[in-house]
PDB file of N, CA and C in Angstrom:
ATOM      1  N   MET A   1      14.974  16.715  24.962  1.00  0.00           N
ATOM      2  CA  MET A   1      14.105  15.447  24.432  1.00  0.00           C
ATOM      3  C   MET A   1      14.804  14.295  24.999  1.00  0.00           C
ATOM      4  N   ASN A   2      14.058  13.440  25.584  1.00  0.00           N
ATOM      5  CA  ASN A   2      14.505  12.137  26.067  1.00  0.00           C
ATOM      6  C   ASN A   2      14.632  11.109  24.964  1.00  0.00           C
ATOM      7  N   LYS A   3      15.289   9.975  25.201  1.00  0.00           N
ATOM      8  CA  LYS A   3      15.532   8.916  24.297  1.00  0.00           C
ATOM      9  C   LYS A   3      14.085   8.329  23.881  1.00  0.00           C
ATOM     10  N   ASP A   4      13.341   8.043  25.000  1.00  0.00           N
ATOM     11  CA  ASP A   4      11.981   7.427  24.550  1.00  0.00           C
ATOM     12  C   ASP A   4      11.159   8.269  23.746  1.00  0.00           C
ATOM     13  N   THR A   5      11.102   9.448  24.002  1.00  0.00           N
ATOM     14  CA  THR A   5      10.432  10.294  23.175  1.00  0.00           C
ATOM     15  C   THR A   5      10.861  10.486  21.702  1.00  0.00           C
ATOM     16  N   PHE A   6      12.111  10.521  21.566  1.00  0.00           N
ATOM     17  CA  PHE A   6      12.777  10.637  20.362  1.00  0.00           C
ATOM     18  C   PHE A   6      12.362   9.212  19.718  1.00  0.00           C
ATOM     19  N   ASN A   7      12.524   8.073  20.344  1.00  0.00           N
ATOM     20  CA  ASN A   7      12.275   6.790  19.606  1.00  0.00           C
ATOM     21  C   ASN A   7      10.899   6.807  19.138  1.00  0.00           C
ATOM     22  N   ALA A   8       9.913   7.263  19.997  1.00  0.00           N
ATOM     23  CA  ALA A   8       8.518   7.349  19.593  1.00  0.00           C
ATOM     24  C   ALA A   8       8.162   8.340  18.488  1.00  0.00           C
ATOM     25  N   LEU A   9       8.886   9.356  18.356  1.00  0.00           N
ATOM     26  CA  LEU A   9       8.718  10.277  17.208  1.00  0.00           C
ATOM     27  C   LEU A   9       9.403   9.593  15.907  1.00  0.00           C
ATOM     28  N   LYS A  10      10.256   8.966  16.324  1.00  0.00           N
ATOM     29  CA  LYS A  10      11.229   8.464  15.050  1.00  0.00           C
ATOM     30  C   LYS A  10      10.194   7.191  14.524  1.00  0.00           C
ATOM     31  N   ARG A  11       9.404   6.283  15.287  1.00  0.00           N
ATOM     32  CA  ARG A  11       8.715   5.392  14.957  1.00  0.00           C
ATOM     33  C   ARG A  11       7.511   5.864  14.213  1.00  0.00           C
ATOM     34  N   GLU A  12       6.883   6.839  14.724  1.00  0.00           N
ATOM     35  CA  GLU A  12       5.687   7.521  14.124  1.00  0.00           C
ATOM     36  C   GLU A  12       6.092   8.040  12.759  1.00  0.00           C
ATOM     37  N   GLN A  13       7.337   8.621  12.569  1.00  0.00           N
ATOM     38  CA  GLN A  13       7.659   9.297  11.196  1.00  0.00           C
ATOM     39  C   GLN A  13       7.892   7.905  10.204  1.00  0.00           C
ATOM     40  N   GLU A  14       8.437   6.739  10.864  1.00  0.00           N
ATOM     41  CA  GLU A  14       8.600   5.570   9.947  1.00  0.00           C
ATOM     42  C   GLU A  14       7.205   5.044   9.491  1.00  0.00           C
ATOM     43  N   ILE A  15       6.263   5.210  10.527  1.00  0.00           N
ATOM     44  CA  ILE A  15       5.003   4.597  10.029  1.00  0.00           C
ATOM     45  C   ILE A  15       4.268   5.465   9.030  1.00  0.00           C
ATOM     46  N   GLN A  16       4.455   6.801   9.254  1.00  0.00           N
ATOM     47  CA  GLN A  16       3.852   7.708   8.049  1.00  0.00           C
ATOM     48  C   GLN A  16       4.435   7.609   6.786  1.00  0.00           C
ATOM     49  N   GLU A  17       5.799   7.214   6.898  1.00  0.00           N
ATOM     50  CA  GLU A  17       6.458   7.008   5.546  1.00  0.00           C
ATOM     51  C   GLU A  17       5.890   5.610   4.827  1.00  0.00           C
ATOM     52  N   GLN A  18       5.587   4.743   5.578  1.00  0.00           N
ATOM     53  CA  GLN A  18       5.283   3.415   5.152  1.00  0.00           C
ATOM     54  C   GLN A  18       3.796   3.458   4.562  1.00  0.00           C
ATOM     55  N   ILE A  19       2.956   4.324   5.190  1.00  0.00           N
ATOM     56  CA  ILE A  19       1.744   4.709   4.827  1.00  0.00           C
ATOM     57  C   ILE A  19       1.622   5.586   3.466  1.00  0.00           C
ATOM     58  N   VAL A  20       2.582   6.353   3.409  1.00  0.00           N
ATOM     59  CA  VAL A  20       2.767   7.327   2.133  1.00  0.00           C
ATOM     60  C   VAL A  20       3.210   6.255   0.826  1.00  0.00           C
ATOM     61  N   ASP A  21       4.219   5.319   1.328  1.00  0.00           N
ATOM     62  CA  ASP A  21       4.603   4.659   0.376  1.00  0.00           C
ATOM     63  C   ASP A  21       3.501   3.450  -0.154  1.00  0.00           C
ATOM     64  N   SER A  22       2.853   3.078   0.860  1.00  0.00           N
ATOM     65  CA  SER A  22       1.843   2.113   0.426  1.00  0.00           C
ATOM     66  C   SER A  22       0.687   2.713  -0.444  1.00  0.00           C
ATOM     67  N   TRP A  23       0.463   4.032  -0.109  1.00  0.00           N
ATOM     68  CA  TRP A  23      -0.620   4.634  -1.052  1.00  0.00           C
ATOM     69  C   TRP A  23       0.041   4.759  -2.698  1.00  0.00           C
ATOM     70  N   LYS A  24       1.248   5.062  -2.646  1.00  0.00           N
ATOM     71  CA  LYS A  24       1.917   5.291  -4.005  1.00  0.00           C
ATOM     72  C   LYS A  24       1.656   4.102  -4.678  1.00  0.00           C
ATOM     73  N   TYR A  25       2.260   2.924  -3.913  1.00  0.00           N
ATOM     74  CA  TYR A  25       2.120   1.513  -4.542  1.00  0.00           C
ATOM     75  C   TYR A  25       0.668   1.240  -5.052  1.00  0.00           C
ATOM     76  N   ILE A  26      -0.241   1.457  -4.048  1.00  0.00           N
ATOM     77  CA  ILE A  26      -1.587   1.267  -4.616  1.00  0.00           C
ATOM     78  C   ILE A  26      -1.909   1.983  -5.854  1.00  0.00           C
ATOM     79  N   LYS A  27      -1.666   3.152  -5.987  1.00  0.00           N
ATOM     80  CA  LYS A  27      -2.073   4.142  -7.121  1.00  0.00           C
ATOM     81  C   LYS A  27      -1.467   3.344  -8.305  1.00  0.00           C
ATOM     82  N   ASP A  28      -0.308   2.907  -8.202  1.00  0.00           N
ATOM     83  CA  ASP A  28       0.442   2.338  -9.290  1.00  0.00           C
ATOM     84  C   ASP A  28      -0.257   1.180  -9.696  1.00  0.00           C
ATOM     85  N   LEU A  29      -0.635   0.220  -8.667  1.00  0.00           N
ATOM     86  CA  LEU A  29      -1.269  -1.017  -8.949  1.00  0.00           C
ATOM     87  C   LEU A  29      -2.788  -0.733  -9.427  1.00  0.00           C
ATOM     88  N   GLU A  30      -3.364   0.197  -9.018  1.00  0.00           N
ATOM     89  CA  GLU A  30      -4.797   0.441  -9.574  1.00  0.00           C
ATOM     90  C   GLU A  30      -4.627   0.756 -10.983  1.00  0.00           C
ATOM     91  N   ALA A  31      -3.673   1.599 -11.266  1.00  0.00           N
ATOM     92  CA  ALA A  31      -3.547   1.990 -12.872  1.00  0.00           C
ATOM     93  C   ALA A  31      -3.085   0.961 -13.600  1.00  0.00           C
ATOM     94  N   GLU A  32      -2.184  -0.150 -13.067  1.00  0.00           N
ATOM     95  CA  GLU A  32      -2.146  -1.325 -13.935  1.00  0.00           C
ATOM     96  C   GLU A  32      -3.296  -2.110 -13.873  1.00  0.00           C
ATOM     97  N   LEU A  33      -3.996  -2.331 -12.966  1.00  0.00           N
ATOM     98  CA  LEU A  33      -5.342  -3.236 -12.923  1.00  0.00           C
ATOM     99  C   LEU A  33      -6.300  -2.545 -13.948  1.00  0.00           C
ATOM    100  N   GLU A  34      -6.384  -1.156 -14.087  1.00  0.00           N
ATOM    101  CA  GLU A  34      -7.195  -0.575 -14.968  1.00  0.00           C
ATOM    102  C   GLU A  34      -6.716  -1.122 -16.490  1.00  0.00           C
ATOM    103  N   PHE A  35      -5.420  -0.920 -16.628  1.00  0.00           N
ATOM    104  CA  PHE A  35      -4.929  -1.222 -17.933  1.00  0.00           C
ATOM    105  C   PHE A  35      -5.263  -2.722 -18.292  1.00  0.00           C
ATOM    106  N   LEU A  36      -5.159  -3.584 -17.512  1.00  0.00           N
ATOM    107  CA  LEU A  36      -5.405  -5.057 -17.465  1.00  0.00           C
ATOM    108  C   LEU A  36      -6.747  -5.233 -17.718  1.00  0.00           C
ATOM    109  N   LEU A  37      -7.515  -4.636 -17.157  1.00  0.00           N
ATOM    110  CA  LEU A  37      -9.100  -4.880 -17.367  1.00  0.00           C
ATOM    111  C   LEU A  37      -9.296  -4.393 -18.792  1.00  0.00           C
ATOM    112  N   THR A  38      -8.861  -3.301 -19.209  1.00  0.00           N
ATOM    113  CA  THR A  38      -9.399  -2.778 -20.600  1.00  0.00           C
ATOM    114  C   THR A  38      -8.432  -3.428 -21.665  1.00  0.00           C
ATOM    115  N   ARG A  39      -7.277  -3.835 -21.531  1.00  0.00           N
ATOM    116  CA  ARG A  39      -6.619  -4.479 -22.634  1.00  0.00           C
ATOM    117  C   ARG A  39      -5.975  -5.894 -22.400  1.00  0.00           C
ATOM    118  N   GLU A  40      -6.009  -6.310 -21.438  1.00  0.00           N
ATOM    119  CA  GLU A  40      -5.793  -7.635 -21.151  1.00  0.00           C
ATOM    120  C   GLU A  40      -6.654  -8.620 -20.277  1.00  0.00           C
ATOM    121  N   ALA A  41      -7.916  -8.242 -20.654  1.00  0.00           N
ATOM    122  CA  ALA A  41      -8.886  -9.015 -19.727  1.00  0.00           C
ATOM    123  C   ALA A  41      -8.829 -10.557 -19.636  1.00  0.00           C
ATOM    124  N   ASN A  42      -8.108 -11.220 -20.537  1.00  0.00           N
ATOM    125  CA  ASN A  42      -7.948 -12.551 -20.494  1.00  0.00           C
ATOM    126  C   ASN A  42      -6.829 -12.958 -19.433  1.00  0.00           C
ATOM    127  N   GLU A  43      -6.313 -12.138 -18.900  1.00  0.00           N
ATOM    128  CA  GLU A  43      -5.181 -12.588 -17.792  1.00  0.00           C
ATOM    129  C   GLU A  43      -5.776 -12.519 -16.486  1.00  0.00           C
ATOM    130  N   SER A  44      -6.784 -13.330 -16.314  1.00  0.00           N
ATOM    131  CA  SER A  44      -7.494 -13.379 -14.962  1.00  0.00           C
ATOM    132  C   SER A  44      -6.684 -13.737 -13.691  1.00  0.00           C
ATOM    133  N   LYS A  45      -5.596 -14.741 -14.042  1.00  0.00           N
ATOM    134  CA  LYS A  45      -4.802 -14.866 -12.717  1.00  0.00           C
ATOM    135  C   LYS A  45      -4.032 -13.702 -12.391  1.00  0.00           C
ATOM    136  N   TYR A  46      -3.530 -13.059 -13.327  1.00  0.00           N
ATOM    137  CA  TYR A  46      -2.599 -11.761 -13.025  1.00  0.00           C
ATOM    138  C   TYR A  46      -3.613 -10.743 -12.353  1.00  0.00           C
ATOM    139  N   ILE A  47      -4.745 -10.538 -12.963  1.00  0.00           N
ATOM    140  CA  ILE A  47      -5.602  -9.543 -12.487  1.00  0.00           C
ATOM    141  C   ILE A  47      -5.986  -9.904 -10.939  1.00  0.00           C
ATOM    142  N   ALA A  48      -6.293 -11.065 -10.739  1.00  0.00           N
ATOM    143  CA  ALA A  48      -6.548 -11.549  -9.443  1.00  0.00           C
ATOM    144  C   ALA A  48      -5.551 -11.142  -8.397  1.00  0.00           C
ATOM    145  N   SER A  49      -4.301 -11.594  -8.812  1.00  0.00           N
ATOM    146  CA  SER A  49      -3.112 -11.298  -8.054  1.00  0.00           C
ATOM    147  C   SER A  49      -2.985  -9.813  -7.768  1.00  0.00           C
ATOM    148  N   VAL A  50      -3.181  -8.943  -8.647  1.00  0.00           N
ATOM    149  CA  VAL A  50      -3.010  -7.503  -8.637  1.00  0.00           C
ATOM    150  C   VAL A  50      -4.056  -7.021  -7.745  1.00  0.00           C
ATOM    151  N   LYS A  51      -5.354  -7.502  -7.724  1.00  0.00           N
ATOM    152  CA  LYS A  51      -6.317  -7.222  -6.916  1.00  0.00           C
ATOM    153  C   LYS A  51      -5.984  -7.612  -5.294  1.00  0.00           C
ATOM    154  N   ASP A  52      -5.513  -8.901  -5.137  1.00  0.00           N
ATOM    155  CA  ASP A  52      -4.998  -9.264  -3.956  1.00  0.00           C
ATOM    156  C   ASP A  52      -4.021  -8.273  -3.390  1.00  0.00           C
ATOM    157  N   GLN A  53      -3.106  -8.008  -4.049  1.00  0.00           N
ATOM    158  CA  GLN A  53      -2.004  -7.046  -3.647  1.00  0.00           C
ATOM    159  C   GLN A  53      -2.585  -5.764  -3.177  1.00  0.00           C
ATOM    160  N   ILE A  54      -3.593  -5.179  -4.002  1.00  0.00           N
ATOM    161  CA  ILE A  54      -4.176  -3.912  -3.645  1.00  0.00           C
ATOM    162  C   ILE A  54      -4.926  -4.039  -2.155  1.00  0.00           C
ATOM    163  N   ASN A  55      -5.567  -5.195  -2.001  1.00  0.00           N
ATOM    164  CA  ASN A  55      -6.420  -5.351  -0.818  1.00  0.00           C
ATOM    165  C   ASN A  55      -5.505  -5.593   0.345  1.00  0.00           C
ATOM    166  N   LYS A  56      -4.475  -6.187   0.160  1.00  0.00           N
ATOM    167  CA  LYS A  56      -3.353  -6.416   1.183  1.00  0.00           C
ATOM    168  C   LYS A  56      -2.695  -5.149   1.647  1.00  0.00           C
ATOM    169  N   LEU A  57      -2.713  -4.267   0.692  1.00  0.00           N
ATOM    170  CA  LEU A  57      -2.014  -2.907   0.872  1.00  0.00           C
ATOM    171  C   LEU A  57      -2.965  -2.071   1.799  1.00  0.00           C
ATOM    172  N   TYR A  58      -4.338  -2.286   1.307  1.00  0.00           N
ATOM    173  CA  TYR A  58      -5.370  -1.235   2.214  1.00  0.00           C
ATOM    174  C   TYR A  58      -5.441  -1.803   3.559  1.00  0.00           C
ATOM    175  N   LYS A  59      -5.341  -3.322   3.699  1.00  0.00           N
ATOM    176  CA  LYS A  59      -5.409  -3.773   5.181  1.00  0.00           C
ATOM    177  C   LYS A  59      -4.089  -3.369   5.879  1.00  0.00           C
ATOM    178  N   GLN A  60      -3.031  -3.238   5.310  1.00  0.00           N
ATOM    179  CA  GLN A  60      -1.782  -2.892   6.040  1.00  0.00           C
ATOM    180  C   GLN A  60      -1.799  -1.303   6.541  1.00  0.00           C
ATOM    181  N   ILE A  61      -2.443  -0.556   5.659  1.00  0.00           N
ATOM    182  CA  ILE A  61      -2.653   0.816   5.772  1.00  0.00           C
ATOM    183  C   ILE A  61      -3.513   0.987   7.038  1.00  0.00           C
ATOM    184  N   GLU A  62      -4.657   0.219   7.202  1.00  0.00           N
ATOM    185  CA  GLU A  62      -5.561   0.324   8.287  1.00  0.00           C
ATOM    186  C   GLU A  62      -4.868  -0.077   9.620  1.00  0.00           C
ATOM    187  N   LYS A  63      -3.893  -1.043   9.519  1.00  0.00           N
ATOM    188  CA  LYS A  63      -3.337  -1.496  10.665  1.00  0.00           C
ATOM    189  C   LYS A  63      -2.309  -0.423  11.141  1.00  0.00           C
ATOM    190  N   LEU A  64      -1.529   0.204  10.274  1.00  0.00           N
ATOM    191  CA  LEU A  64      -0.711   1.502  10.606  1.00  0.00           C
ATOM    192  C   LEU A  64      -1.447   2.511  11.038  1.00  0.00           C
ATOM    193  N   GLU A  65      -2.618   2.859  10.662  1.00  0.00           N
ATOM    194  CA  GLU A  65      -3.243   4.009  11.088  1.00  0.00           C
ATOM    195  C   GLU A  65      -3.845   3.780  12.292  1.00  0.00           C
ATOM    196  N   GLU A  66      -3.962   2.635  12.972  1.00  0.00           N
ATOM    197  CA  GLU A  66      -4.416   2.445  14.306  1.00  0.00           C
ATOM    198  C   GLU A  66      -3.739   3.013  15.514  1.00  0.00           C
TER     199      GLU A  66
END
C-alpha cells in the first residue's frame, strides 16, 4: 500500500469517527432537549441554544458524508 492510499484511508476513518461521535452527541443533546421541554420549559434561551447545536451537528454530518 502506498503512502497516498494509506493517508486517504486514514482520513476516511477519521471522517467516519467524527460522524459517529457527532451522532452520539446529537443523541445526548436530543435527550437533554426533551428533558428541558418537559421540565424546564421556561429556559427558552438554553432550549434555543441546544436546538442550534443540534442543527449545526446535522449540517456537519451532511458535509462529512459528501
